[in-house]
Amino acid sequence: MQPQIPKDPVVPELTKVQINELTDIVFLSKEILPCDAIFVFGGTHPGHWEATIDAYNRGLGRMIIVTGGVSPTGIKHEKWVDKTVPEAHVIVNKLTEAGIPLNVIVYEDRSRNWVQVLVL
């Protein structure tokens, strides 16, 4: 099965100014302000839950929204144990193990890519 979203998209040529503007937008070169919710796209890299735990503990969001089903085409992180468990389940477990209350976490576990997150 081919992924619906290419893993190696064609990248346009960008000027130095465009690269700097995108870097500022993506990496928030300004102060990070608290928001209503921290959104976590599914994934199997530990950074998904580690960054979320850090952001929540810093008070950057009151709620956490987690997405992630079981991708039929995604390459799993080498430390990912069970390839049949939805990514959201693992992420939620890691968040609660770190002391984040379950009542501040909302999740969906059926999406297989980010396009489905928007539809579900």
PDB file of N, CA and C in Angstrom:
ATOM      1  N   MET A   1       0.839  -1.178   0.000  1.00  0.00           N
ATOM      2  CA  MET A   1       0.000   0.000   0.000  1.00  0.00           C
ATOM      3  C   MET A   1       0.884   1.243   0.000  1.00  0.00           C
ATOM      4  N   GLN A   2       0.586   2.181  -0.872  1.00  0.00           N
ATOM      5  CA  GLN A   2       1.332   3.430  -0.955  1.00  0.00           C
ATOM      6  C   GLN A   2       0.762   4.453   0.022  1.00  0.00           C
ATOM      7  N   PRO A   3       1.619   5.249   0.667  1.00  0.00           N
ATOM      8  CA  PRO A   3       1.104   6.291   1.553  1.00  0.00           C
ATOM      9  C   PRO A   3       0.313   7.332   0.760  1.00  0.00           C
ATOM     10  N   GLN A   4      -0.735   7.881   1.387  1.00  0.00           N
ATOM     11  CA  GLN A   4      -1.511   8.926   0.732  1.00  0.00           C
ATOM     12  C   GLN A   4      -0.738  10.231   0.683  1.00  0.00           C
ATOM     13  N   ILE A   5       0.145  10.429   1.630  1.00  0.00           N
ATOM     14  CA  ILE A   5       0.934  11.648   1.709  1.00  0.00           C
ATOM     15  C   ILE A   5       2.381  11.255   1.448  1.00  0.00           C
ATOM     16  N   PRO A   6       3.018  11.834   0.430  1.00  0.00           N
ATOM     17  CA  PRO A   6       4.395  11.432   0.125  1.00  0.00           C
ATOM     18  C   PRO A   6       5.343  11.717   1.286  1.00  0.00           C
ATOM     19  N   LYS A   7       6.216  10.751   1.558  1.00  0.00           N
ATOM     20  CA  LYS A   7       7.203  10.918   2.633  1.00  0.00           C
ATOM     21  C   LYS A   7       8.372  11.778   2.180  1.00  0.00           C
ATOM     22  N   ASP A   8       8.598  11.866   0.888  1.00  0.00           N
ATOM     23  CA  ASP A   8       9.669  12.684   0.332  1.00  0.00           C
ATOM     24  C   ASP A   8       9.089  13.637  -0.710  1.00  0.00           C
ATOM     25  N   PRO A   9       8.396  14.700  -0.265  1.00  0.00           N
ATOM     26  CA  PRO A   9       7.775  15.615  -1.225  1.00  0.00           C
ATOM     27  C   PRO A   9       8.818  16.435  -1.974  1.00  0.00           C
ATOM     28  N   VAL A  10       8.408  16.979  -3.103  1.00  0.00           N
ATOM     29  CA  VAL A  10       9.262  17.883  -3.872  1.00  0.00           C
ATOM     30  C   VAL A  10       9.333  19.196  -3.096  1.00  0.00           C
ATOM     31  N   VAL A  11      10.533  19.628  -2.793  1.00  0.00           N
ATOM     32  CA  VAL A  11      10.728  20.842  -1.998  1.00  0.00           C
ATOM     33  C   VAL A  11      11.080  21.991  -2.933  1.00  0.00           C
ATOM     34  N   PRO A  12      10.344  23.105  -2.853  1.00  0.00           N
ATOM     35  CA  PRO A  12      10.646  24.237  -3.739  1.00  0.00           C
ATOM     36  C   PRO A  12      11.935  24.935  -3.320  1.00  0.00           C
ATOM     37  N   GLU A  13      12.550  25.622  -4.269  1.00  0.00           N
ATOM     38  CA  GLU A  13      13.721  26.452  -3.964  1.00  0.00           C
ATOM     39  C   GLU A  13      13.243  27.671  -3.175  1.00  0.00           C
ATOM     40  N   LEU A  14      13.895  27.960  -2.073  1.00  0.00           N
ATOM     41  CA  LEU A  14      13.528  29.105  -1.244  1.00  0.00           C
ATOM     42  C   LEU A  14      14.692  30.074  -1.142  1.00  0.00           C
ATOM     43  N   THR A  15      14.360  31.348  -1.054  1.00  0.00           N
ATOM     44  CA  THR A  15      15.394  32.355  -0.853  1.00  0.00           C
ATOM     45  C   THR A  15      15.802  32.356   0.620  1.00  0.00           C
ATOM     46  N   LYS A  16      16.902  33.004   0.915  1.00  0.00           N
ATOM     47  CA  LYS A  16      17.365  33.127   2.304  1.00  0.00           C
ATOM     48  C   LYS A  16      16.315  33.837   3.165  1.00  0.00           C
ATOM     49  N   VAL A  17      15.680  34.864   2.614  1.00  0.00           N
ATOM     50  CA  VAL A  17      14.637  35.599   3.337  1.00  0.00           C
ATOM     51  C   VAL A  17      13.463  34.675   3.656  1.00  0.00           C
ATOM     52  N   GLN A  18      13.019  33.877   2.680  1.00  0.00           N
ATOM     53  CA  GLN A  18      11.908  32.948   2.904  1.00  0.00           C
ATOM     54  C   GLN A  18      12.273  31.895   3.961  1.00  0.00           C
ATOM     55  N   ILE A  19      13.494  31.398   3.902  1.00  0.00           N
ATOM     56  CA  ILE A  19      13.943  30.406   4.887  1.00  0.00           C
ATOM     57  C   ILE A  19      13.933  31.019   6.289  1.00  0.00           C
ATOM     58  N   ASN A  20      14.426  32.247   6.409  1.00  0.00           N
ATOM     59  CA  ASN A  20      14.434  32.913   7.719  1.00  0.00           C
ATOM     60  C   ASN A  20      13.023  33.164   8.234  1.00  0.00           C
ATOM     61  N   GLU A  21      12.106  33.577   7.352  1.00  0.00           N
ATOM     62  CA  GLU A  21      10.719  33.816   7.763  1.00  0.00           C
ATOM     63  C   GLU A  21      10.062  32.518   8.226  1.00  0.00           C
ATOM     64  N   LEU A  22      10.250  31.443   7.486  1.00  0.00           N
ATOM     65  CA  LEU A  22       9.677  30.152   7.875  1.00  0.00           C
ATOM     66  C   LEU A  22      10.283  29.658   9.187  1.00  0.00           C
ATOM     67  N   THR A  23      11.568  29.851   9.360  1.00  0.00           N
ATOM     68  CA  THR A  23      12.222  29.447  10.603  1.00  0.00           C
ATOM     69  C   THR A  23      11.633  30.206  11.783  1.00  0.00           C
ATOM     70  N   ASP A  24      11.422  31.508  11.623  1.00  0.00           N
ATOM     71  CA  ASP A  24      10.812  32.308  12.689  1.00  0.00           C
ATOM     72  C   ASP A  24       9.412  31.818  13.021  1.00  0.00           C
ATOM     73  N   ILE A  25       8.626  31.496  11.994  1.00  0.00           N
ATOM     74  CA  ILE A  25       7.258  31.023  12.216  1.00  0.00           C
ATOM     75  C   ILE A  25       7.261  29.660  12.912  1.00  0.00           C
ATOM     76  N   VAL A  26       8.041  28.727  12.403  1.00  0.00           N
ATOM     77  CA  VAL A  26       8.033  27.355  12.916  1.00  0.00           C
ATOM     78  C   VAL A  26       8.633  27.257  14.313  1.00  0.00           C
ATOM     79  N   PHE A  27       9.726  27.942  14.536  1.00  0.00           N
ATOM     80  CA  PHE A  27      10.426  27.790  15.811  1.00  0.00           C
ATOM     81  C   PHE A  27      10.138  28.916  16.794  1.00  0.00           C
ATOM     82  N   LEU A  28       9.140  29.707  16.489  1.00  0.00           N
ATOM     83  CA  LEU A  28       8.669  30.744  17.407  1.00  0.00           C
ATOM     84  C   LEU A  28       9.820  31.505  18.052  1.00  0.00           C
ATOM     85  N   SER A  29      10.473  32.287  17.245  1.00  0.00           N
ATOM     86  CA  SER A  29      11.611  33.032  17.788  1.00  0.00           C
ATOM     87  C   SER A  29      11.166  34.062  18.821  1.00  0.00           C
ATOM     88  N   LYS A  30       9.855  34.232  18.957  1.00  0.00           N
ATOM     89  CA  LYS A  30       9.320  35.125  19.972  1.00  0.00           C
ATOM     90  C   LYS A  30       8.926  34.304  21.194  1.00  0.00           C
ATOM     91  N   GLU A  31       8.481  34.989  22.215  1.00  0.00           N
ATOM     92  CA  GLU A  31       8.057  34.337  23.448  1.00  0.00           C
ATOM     93  C   GLU A  31       6.910  33.357  23.188  1.00  0.00           C
ATOM     94  N   ILE A  32       6.987  32.186  23.808  1.00  0.00           N
ATOM     95  CA  ILE A  32       5.920  31.197  23.686  1.00  0.00           C
ATOM     96  C   ILE A  32       4.857  31.525  24.723  1.00  0.00           C
ATOM     97  N   LEU A  33       3.622  31.705  24.263  1.00  0.00           N
ATOM     98  CA  LEU A  33       2.530  32.071  25.145  1.00  0.00           C
ATOM     99  C   LEU A  33       1.641  30.853  25.423  1.00  0.00           C
ATOM    100  N   PRO A  34       1.098  30.761  26.620  1.00  0.00           N
ATOM    101  CA  PRO A  34       0.165  29.667  26.921  1.00  0.00           C
ATOM    102  C   PRO A  34      -1.062  29.737  26.002  1.00  0.00           C
ATOM    103  N   CYS A  35      -1.642  28.578  25.745  1.00  0.00           N
ATOM    104  CA  CYS A  35      -2.828  28.505  24.894  1.00  0.00           C
ATOM    105  C   CYS A  35      -3.851  27.572  25.536  1.00  0.00           C
ATOM    106  N   ASP A  36      -4.978  27.377  24.876  1.00  0.00           N
ATOM    107  CA  ASP A  36      -6.026  26.536  25.430  1.00  0.00           C
ATOM    108  C   ASP A  36      -5.662  25.058  25.393  1.00  0.00           C
ATOM    109  N   ALA A  37      -5.002  24.620  24.326  1.00  0.00           N
ATOM    110  CA  ALA A  37      -4.726  23.190  24.176  1.00  0.00           C
ATOM    111  C   ALA A  37      -3.408  22.955  23.459  1.00  0.00           C
ATOM    112  N   ILE A  38      -2.782  21.861  23.820  1.00  0.00           N
ATOM    113  CA  ILE A  38      -1.570  21.386  23.145  1.00  0.00           C
ATOM    114  C   ILE A  38      -2.027  20.282  22.198  1.00  0.00           C
ATOM    115  N   PHE A  39      -1.741  20.422  20.909  1.00  0.00           N
ATOM    116  CA  PHE A  39      -2.167  19.439  19.912  1.00  0.00           C
ATOM    117  C   PHE A  39      -0.999  18.532  19.576  1.00  0.00           C
ATOM    118  N   VAL A  40      -1.226  17.216  19.634  1.00  0.00           N
ATOM    119  CA  VAL A  40      -0.168  16.239  19.383  1.00  0.00           C
ATOM    120  C   VAL A  40      -0.577  15.338  18.229  1.00  0.00           C
ATOM    121  N   PHE A  41       0.094  15.486  17.095  1.00  0.00           N
ATOM    122  CA  PHE A  41      -0.146  14.555  15.997  1.00  0.00           C
ATOM    123  C   PHE A  41       0.449  13.208  16.376  1.00  0.00           C
ATOM    124  N   GLY A  42      -0.209  12.133  15.976  1.00  0.00           N
ATOM    125  CA  GLY A  42       0.297  10.793  16.260  1.00  0.00           C
ATOM    126  C   GLY A  42       1.675  10.596  15.674  1.00  0.00           C
ATOM    127  N   GLY A  43       2.392   9.669  16.240  1.00  0.00           N
ATOM    128  CA  GLY A  43       3.728   9.336  15.774  1.00  0.00           C
ATOM    129  C   GLY A  43       4.367   8.376  16.751  1.00  0.00           C
ATOM    130  N   THR A  44       5.438   7.752  16.339  1.00  0.00           N
ATOM    131  CA  THR A  44       6.064   6.741  17.183  1.00  0.00           C
ATOM    132  C   THR A  44       7.380   7.194  17.797  1.00  0.00           C
ATOM    133  N   HIS A  45       7.825   8.399  17.498  1.00  0.00           N
ATOM    134  CA  HIS A  45       9.072   8.894  18.074  1.00  0.00           C
ATOM    135  C   HIS A  45       8.809   9.390  19.495  1.00  0.00           C
ATOM    136  N   PRO A  46       9.674   9.071  20.449  1.00  0.00           N
ATOM    137  CA  PRO A  46       9.481   9.517  21.831  1.00  0.00           C
ATOM    138  C   PRO A  46       9.318  11.029  21.990  1.00  0.00           C
ATOM    139  N   GLY A  47       9.821  11.799  21.046  1.00  0.00           N
ATOM    140  CA  GLY A  47       9.680  13.242  21.111  1.00  0.00           C
ATOM    141  C   GLY A  47       8.227  13.694  21.121  1.00  0.00           C
ATOM    142  N   HIS A  48       7.336  12.878  20.582  1.00  0.00           N
ATOM    143  CA  HIS A  48       5.920  13.247  20.567  1.00  0.00           C
ATOM    144  C   HIS A  48       5.395  13.430  21.988  1.00  0.00           C
ATOM    145  N   TRP A  49       5.688  12.495  22.857  1.00  0.00           N
ATOM    146  CA  TRP A  49       5.189  12.633  24.232  1.00  0.00           C
ATOM    147  C   TRP A  49       6.146  13.407  25.124  1.00  0.00           C
ATOM    148  N   GLU A  50       7.439  13.350  24.863  1.00  0.00           N
ATOM    149  CA  GLU A  50       8.392  14.089  25.697  1.00  0.00           C
ATOM    150  C   GLU A  50       8.178  15.601  25.582  1.00  0.00           C
ATOM    151  N   ALA A  51       8.015  16.093  24.361  1.00  0.00           N
ATOM    152  CA  ALA A  51       7.783  17.535  24.165  1.00  0.00           C
ATOM    153  C   ALA A  51       6.438  17.948  24.747  1.00  0.00           C
ATOM    154  N   THR A  52       5.451  17.067  24.641  1.00  0.00           N
ATOM    155  CA  THR A  52       4.124  17.354  25.188  1.00  0.00           C
ATOM    156  C   THR A  52       4.163  17.445  26.704  1.00  0.00           C
ATOM    157  N   ILE A  53       4.844  16.503  27.332  1.00  0.00           N
ATOM    158  CA  ILE A  53       4.985  16.514  28.801  1.00  0.00           C
ATOM    159  C   ILE A  53       5.663  17.807  29.239  1.00  0.00           C
ATOM    160  N   ASP A  54       6.725  18.186  28.546  1.00  0.00           N
ATOM    161  CA  ASP A  54       7.450  19.409  28.888  1.00  0.00           C
ATOM    162  C   ASP A  54       6.549  20.637  28.732  1.00  0.00           C
ATOM    163  N   ALA A  55       5.832  20.724  27.617  1.00  0.00           N
ATOM    164  CA  ALA A  55       4.964  21.876  27.373  1.00  0.00           C
ATOM    165  C   ALA A  55       3.855  21.958  28.421  1.00  0.00           C
ATOM    166  N   TYR A  56       3.254  20.830  28.757  1.00  0.00           N
ATOM    167  CA  TYR A  56       2.185  20.835  29.763  1.00  0.00           C
ATOM    168  C   TYR A  56       2.736  21.247  31.131  1.00  0.00           C
ATOM    169  N   ASN A  57       3.874  20.691  31.509  1.00  0.00           N
ATOM    170  CA  ASN A  57       4.476  21.021  32.809  1.00  0.00           C
ATOM    171  C   ASN A  57       4.917  22.483  32.891  1.00  0.00           C
ATOM    172  N   ARG A  58       5.189  23.098  31.754  1.00  0.00           N
ATOM    173  CA  ARG A  58       5.550  24.522  31.720  1.00  0.00           C
ATOM    174  C   ARG A  58       4.311  25.412  31.702  1.00  0.00           C
ATOM    175  N   GLY A  59       3.126  24.793  31.717  1.00  0.00           N
ATOM    176  CA  GLY A  59       1.892  25.564  31.742  1.00  0.00           C
ATOM    177  C   GLY A  59       1.502  26.165  30.402  1.00  0.00           C
ATOM    178  N   LEU A  60       1.943  25.559  29.303  1.00  0.00           N
ATOM    179  CA  LEU A  60       1.674  26.126  27.981  1.00  0.00           C
ATOM    180  C   LEU A  60       0.314  25.721  27.414  1.00  0.00           C
ATOM    181  N   GLY A  61      -0.398  24.827  28.085  1.00  0.00           N
ATOM    182  CA  GLY A  61      -1.737  24.428  27.643  1.00  0.00           C
ATOM    183  C   GLY A  61      -2.473  23.743  28.771  1.00  0.00           C
ATOM    184  N   ARG A  62      -3.786  23.977  28.820  1.00  0.00           N
ATOM    185  CA  ARG A  62      -4.607  23.376  29.881  1.00  0.00           C
ATOM    186  C   ARG A  62      -5.137  22.015  29.484  1.00  0.00           C
ATOM    187  N   MET A  63      -5.305  21.791  28.195  1.00  0.00           N
ATOM    188  CA  MET A  63      -5.802  20.519  27.664  1.00  0.00           C
ATOM    189  C   MET A  63      -4.776  19.983  26.674  1.00  0.00           C
ATOM    190  N   ILE A  64      -4.848  18.681  26.431  1.00  0.00           N
ATOM    191  CA  ILE A  64      -3.981  18.051  25.433  1.00  0.00           C
ATOM    192  C   ILE A  64      -4.873  17.257  24.489  1.00  0.00           C
ATOM    193  N   ILE A  65      -4.710  17.478  23.190  1.00  0.00           N
ATOM    194  CA  ILE A  65      -5.454  16.752  22.168  1.00  0.00           C
ATOM    195  C   ILE A  65      -4.460  15.859  21.434  1.00  0.00           C
ATOM    196  N   VAL A  66      -4.713  14.542  21.458  1.00  0.00           N
ATOM    197  CA  VAL A  66      -3.799  13.573  20.848  1.00  0.00           C
ATOM    198  C   VAL A  66      -4.517  12.860  19.706  1.00  0.00           C
ATOM    199  N   THR A  67      -3.832  12.694  18.581  1.00  0.00           N
ATOM    200  CA  THR A  67      -4.388  11.943  17.462  1.00  0.00           C
ATOM    201  C   THR A  67      -3.469  10.773  17.153  1.00  0.00           C
ATOM    202  N   GLY A  68      -4.000   9.783  16.481  1.00  0.00           N
ATOM    203  CA  GLY A  68      -3.134   8.716  15.989  1.00  0.00           C
ATOM    204  C   GLY A  68      -3.706   7.327  16.077  1.00  0.00           C
ATOM    205  N   GLY A  69      -3.985   6.768  14.923  1.00  0.00           N
ATOM    206  CA  GLY A  69      -4.409   5.379  14.827  1.00  0.00           C
ATOM    207  C   GLY A  69      -3.200   4.509  14.525  1.00  0.00           C
ATOM    208  N   VAL A  70      -3.392   3.525  13.680  1.00  0.00           N
ATOM    209  CA  VAL A  70      -2.305   2.641  13.260  1.00  0.00           C
ATOM    210  C   VAL A  70      -2.079   2.888  11.773  1.00  0.00           C
ATOM    211  N   SER A  71      -0.938   3.458  11.438  1.00  0.00           N
ATOM    212  CA  SER A  71      -0.623   3.751  10.043  1.00  0.00           C
ATOM    213  C   SER A  71      -0.231   2.471   9.315  1.00  0.00           C
ATOM    214  N   PRO A  72      -0.862   2.190   8.175  1.00  0.00           N
ATOM    215  CA  PRO A  72      -0.508   0.972   7.434  1.00  0.00           C
ATOM    216  C   PRO A  72       0.806   1.106   6.670  1.00  0.00           C
ATOM    217  N   THR A  73       1.287   2.337   6.489  1.00  0.00           N
ATOM    218  CA  THR A  73       2.491   2.543   5.682  1.00  0.00           C
ATOM    219  C   THR A  73       3.615   3.222   6.431  1.00  0.00           C
ATOM    220  N   GLY A  74       3.343   3.732   7.610  1.00  0.00           N
ATOM    221  CA  GLY A  74       4.355   4.477   8.346  1.00  0.00           C
ATOM    222  C   GLY A  74       5.473   3.599   8.872  1.00  0.00           C
ATOM    223  N   ILE A  75       6.658   4.154   8.908  1.00  0.00           N
ATOM    224  CA  ILE A  75       7.810   3.449   9.466  1.00  0.00           C
ATOM    225  C   ILE A  75       7.857   3.767  10.952  1.00  0.00           C
ATOM    226  N   LYS A  76       7.850   2.758  11.780  1.00  0.00           N
ATOM    227  CA  LYS A  76       7.819   2.933  13.231  1.00  0.00           C
ATOM    228  C   LYS A  76       9.231   3.202  13.765  1.00  0.00           C
ATOM    229  N   HIS A  77       9.291   3.953  14.860  1.00  0.00           N
ATOM    230  CA  HIS A  77      10.554   4.188  15.551  1.00  0.00           C
ATOM    231  C   HIS A  77      11.091   2.841  16.032  1.00  0.00           C
ATOM    232  N   GLU A  78      12.405   2.697  16.066  1.00  0.00           N
ATOM    233  CA  GLU A  78      12.998   1.396  16.419  1.00  0.00           C
ATOM    234  C   GLU A  78      12.628   0.907  17.821  1.00  0.00           C
ATOM    235  N   LYS A  79      12.266   1.816  18.721  1.00  0.00           N
ATOM    236  CA  LYS A  79      11.898   1.418  20.081  1.00  0.00           C
ATOM    237  C   LYS A  79      10.395   1.175  20.234  1.00  0.00           C
ATOM    238  N   TRP A  80       9.630   1.326  19.153  1.00  0.00           N
ATOM    239  CA  TRP A  80       8.181   1.119  19.204  1.00  0.00           C
ATOM    240  C   TRP A  80       7.926  -0.369  19.365  1.00  0.00           C
ATOM    241  N   VAL A  81       7.260  -0.773  20.428  1.00  0.00           N
ATOM    242  CA  VAL A  81       7.120  -2.187  20.757  1.00  0.00           C
ATOM    243  C   VAL A  81       6.012  -2.881  19.971  1.00  0.00           C
ATOM    244  N   ASP A  82       4.785  -2.417  20.083  1.00  0.00           N
ATOM    245  CA  ASP A  82       3.649  -3.111  19.473  1.00  0.00           C
ATOM    246  C   ASP A  82       3.136  -2.317  18.285  1.00  0.00           C
ATOM    247  N   LYS A  83       3.323  -2.857  17.109  1.00  0.00           N
ATOM    248  CA  LYS A  83       2.974  -2.155  15.880  1.00  0.00           C
ATOM    249  C   LYS A  83       1.469  -2.154  15.600  1.00  0.00           C
ATOM    250  N   THR A  84       0.671  -2.848  16.437  1.00  0.00           N
ATOM    251  CA  THR A  84      -0.774  -2.911  16.209  1.00  0.00           C
ATOM    252  C   THR A  84      -1.563  -1.999  17.144  1.00  0.00           C
ATOM    253  N   VAL A  85      -0.896  -1.389  18.111  1.00  0.00           N
ATOM    254  CA  VAL A  85      -1.568  -0.496  19.061  1.00  0.00           C
ATOM    255  C   VAL A  85      -1.632   0.905  18.458  1.00  0.00           C
ATOM    256  N   PRO A  86      -2.805   1.561  18.506  1.00  0.00           N
ATOM    257  CA  PRO A  86      -2.887   2.922  17.984  1.00  0.00           C
ATOM    258  C   PRO A  86      -1.874   3.848  18.668  1.00  0.00           C
ATOM    259  N   GLU A  87      -1.283   4.723  17.887  1.00  0.00           N
ATOM    260  CA  GLU A  87      -0.280   5.649  18.402  1.00  0.00           C
ATOM    261  C   GLU A  87      -0.842   6.501  19.539  1.00  0.00           C
ATOM    262  N   ALA A  88      -2.098   6.915  19.426  1.00  0.00           N
ATOM    263  CA  ALA A  88      -2.707   7.744  20.472  1.00  0.00           C
ATOM    264  C   ALA A  88      -2.719   7.021  21.814  1.00  0.00           C
ATOM    265  N   HIS A  89      -2.943   5.706  21.815  1.00  0.00           N
ATOM    266  CA  HIS A  89      -2.982   4.960  23.076  1.00  0.00           C
ATOM    267  C   HIS A  89      -1.628   4.995  23.777  1.00  0.00           C
ATOM    268  N   VAL A  90      -0.582   4.791  23.002  1.00  0.00           N
ATOM    269  CA  VAL A  90       0.766   4.809  23.586  1.00  0.00           C
ATOM    270  C   VAL A  90       1.092   6.205  24.106  1.00  0.00           C
ATOM    271  N   ILE A  91       0.793   7.228  23.319  1.00  0.00           N
ATOM    272  CA  ILE A  91       1.099   8.603  23.731  1.00  0.00           C
ATOM    273  C   ILE A  91       0.332   8.962  24.994  1.00  0.00           C
ATOM    274  N   VAL A  92      -0.964   8.640  25.043  1.00  0.00           N
ATOM    275  CA  VAL A  92      -1.768   8.929  26.240  1.00  0.00           C
ATOM    276  C   VAL A  92      -1.199   8.193  27.448  1.00  0.00           C
ATOM    277  N   ASN A  93      -0.806   6.938  27.278  1.00  0.00           N
ATOM    278  CA  ASN A  93      -0.202   6.189  28.396  1.00  0.00           C
ATOM    279  C   ASN A  93       1.071   6.863  28.890  1.00  0.00           C
ATOM    280  N   LYS A  94       1.907   7.315  27.976  1.00  0.00           N
ATOM    281  CA  LYS A  94       3.156   7.990  28.372  1.00  0.00           C
ATOM    282  C   LYS A  94       2.849   9.292  29.117  1.00  0.00           C
ATOM    283  N   LEU A  95       1.820  10.027  28.663  1.00  0.00           N
ATOM    284  CA  LEU A  95       1.457  11.279  29.322  1.00  0.00           C
ATOM    285  C   LEU A  95       0.952  11.024  30.741  1.00  0.00           C
ATOM    286  N   THR A  96       0.101  10.029  30.907  1.00  0.00           N
ATOM    287  CA  THR A  96      -0.426   9.749  32.249  1.00  0.00           C
ATOM    288  C   THR A  96       0.646   9.151  33.158  1.00  0.00           C
ATOM    289  N   GLU A  97       1.553   8.357  32.611  1.00  0.00           N
ATOM    290  CA  GLU A  97       2.675   7.839  33.409  1.00  0.00           C
ATOM    291  C   GLU A  97       3.537   8.984  33.939  1.00  0.00           C
ATOM    292  N   ALA A  98       3.577  10.092  33.195  1.00  0.00           N
ATOM    293  CA  ALA A  98       4.368  11.261  33.609  1.00  0.00           C
ATOM    294  C   ALA A  98       3.598  12.143  34.590  1.00  0.00           C
ATOM    295  N   GLY A  99       2.393  11.721  34.958  1.00  0.00           N
ATOM    296  CA  GLY A  99       1.625  12.465  35.957  1.00  0.00           C
ATOM    297  C   GLY A  99       0.599  13.429  35.417  1.00  0.00           C
ATOM    298  N   ILE A 100       0.396  13.438  34.103  1.00  0.00           N
ATOM    299  CA  ILE A 100      -0.626  14.316  33.533  1.00  0.00           C
ATOM    300  C   ILE A 100      -1.981  13.644  33.740  1.00  0.00           C
ATOM    301  N   PRO A 101      -2.947  14.367  34.328  1.00  0.00           N
ATOM    302  CA  PRO A 101      -4.253  13.766  34.595  1.00  0.00           C
ATOM    303  C   PRO A 101      -4.993  13.395  33.303  1.00  0.00           C
ATOM    304  N   LEU A 102      -5.628  12.249  33.309  1.00  0.00           N
ATOM    305  CA  LEU A 102      -6.364  11.782  32.140  1.00  0.00           C
ATOM    306  C   LEU A 102      -7.509  12.727  31.777  1.00  0.00           C
ATOM    307  N   ASN A 103      -8.065  13.437  32.764  1.00  0.00           N
ATOM    308  CA  ASN A 103      -9.203  14.307  32.474  1.00  0.00           C
ATOM    309  C   ASN A 103      -8.828  15.576  31.705  1.00  0.00           C
ATOM    310  N   VAL A 104      -7.549  15.813  31.440  1.00  0.00           N
ATOM    311  CA  VAL A 104      -7.162  16.959  30.603  1.00  0.00           C
ATOM    312  C   VAL A 104      -6.747  16.507  29.204  1.00  0.00           C
ATOM    313  N   ILE A 105      -6.881  15.198  28.925  1.00  0.00           N
ATOM    314  CA  ILE A 105      -6.459  14.638  27.641  1.00  0.00           C
ATOM    315  C   ILE A 105      -7.685  14.183  26.849  1.00  0.00           C
ATOM    316  N   VAL A 106      -7.747  14.625  25.600  1.00  0.00           N
ATOM    317  CA  VAL A 106      -8.767  14.172  24.659  1.00  0.00           C
ATOM    318  C   VAL A 106      -8.009  13.511  23.517  1.00  0.00           C
ATOM    319  N   TYR A 107      -8.494  12.361  23.046  1.00  0.00           N
ATOM    320  CA  TYR A 107      -7.768  11.708  21.961  1.00  0.00           C
ATOM    321  C   TYR A 107      -8.709  11.017  20.983  1.00  0.00           C
ATOM    322  N   GLU A 108      -8.182  10.788  19.784  1.00  0.00           N
ATOM    323  CA  GLU A 108      -8.853   9.955  18.797  1.00  0.00           C
ATOM    324  C   GLU A 108      -7.831   8.937  18.335  1.00  0.00           C
ATOM    325  N   ASP A 109      -8.301   7.732  18.025  1.00  0.00           N
ATOM    326  CA  ASP A 109      -7.368   6.647  17.721  1.00  0.00           C
ATOM    327  C   ASP A 109      -7.687   5.921  16.412  1.00  0.00           C
ATOM    328  N   ARG A 110      -8.364   6.616  15.497  1.00  0.00           N
ATOM    329  CA  ARG A 110      -8.732   5.966  14.237  1.00  0.00           C
ATOM    330  C   ARG A 110      -8.010   6.530  13.020  1.00  0.00           C
ATOM    331  N   SER A 111      -7.459   7.739  13.129  1.00  0.00           N
ATOM    332  CA  SER A 111      -6.834   8.357  11.949  1.00  0.00           C
ATOM    333  C   SER A 111      -5.566   7.607  11.558  1.00  0.00           C
ATOM    334  N   ARG A 112      -5.368   7.497  10.251  1.00  0.00           N
ATOM    335  CA  ARG A 112      -4.171   6.815   9.741  1.00  0.00           C
ATOM    336  C   ARG A 112      -3.200   7.783   9.098  1.00  0.00           C
ATOM    337  N   ASN A 113      -3.623   9.048   8.973  1.00  0.00           N
ATOM    338  CA  ASN A 113      -2.755  10.114   8.480  1.00  0.00           C
ATOM    339  C   ASN A 113      -3.387  11.439   8.884  1.00  0.00           C
ATOM    340  N   TRP A 114      -2.675  12.541   8.688  1.00  0.00           N
ATOM    341  CA  TRP A 114      -3.176  13.835   9.172  1.00  0.00           C
ATOM    342  C   TRP A 114      -4.413  14.303   8.429  1.00  0.00           C
ATOM    343  N   VAL A 115      -4.624  13.847   7.191  1.00  0.00           N
ATOM    344  CA  VAL A 115      -5.820  14.236   6.455  1.00  0.00           C
ATOM    345  C   VAL A 115      -7.049  13.678   7.165  1.00  0.00           C
ATOM    346  N   GLN A 116      -6.977  12.445   7.638  1.00  0.00           N
ATOM    347  CA  GLN A 116      -8.112  11.835   8.339  1.00  0.00           C
ATOM    348  C   GLN A 116      -8.371  12.523   9.673  1.00  0.00           C
ATOM    349  N   VAL A 117      -7.352  13.075  10.307  1.00  0.00           N
ATOM    350  CA  VAL A 117      -7.554  13.816  11.557  1.00  0.00           C
ATOM    351  C   VAL A 117      -8.533  14.953  11.322  1.00  0.00           C
ATOM    352  N   LEU A 118      -8.412  15.613  10.189  1.00  0.00           N
ATOM    353  CA  LEU A 118      -9.278  16.738   9.868  1.00  0.00           C
ATOM    354  C   LEU A 118     -10.719  16.307   9.625  1.00  0.00           C
ATOM    355  N   VAL A 119     -10.913  15.065   9.171  1.00  0.00           N
ATOM    356  CA  VAL A 119     -12.236  14.569   8.840  1.00  0.00           C
ATOM    357  C   VAL A 119     -12.921  13.903  10.031  1.00  0.00           C
ATOM    358  N   LEU A 120     -12.146  13.182  10.839  1.00  0.00           N
ATOM    359  CA  LEU A 120     -12.724  12.453  11.964  1.00  0.00           C
ATOM    360  C   LEU A 120     -13.136  13.431  12.971  1.00  0.00           C
TER     361      LEU A 120
END
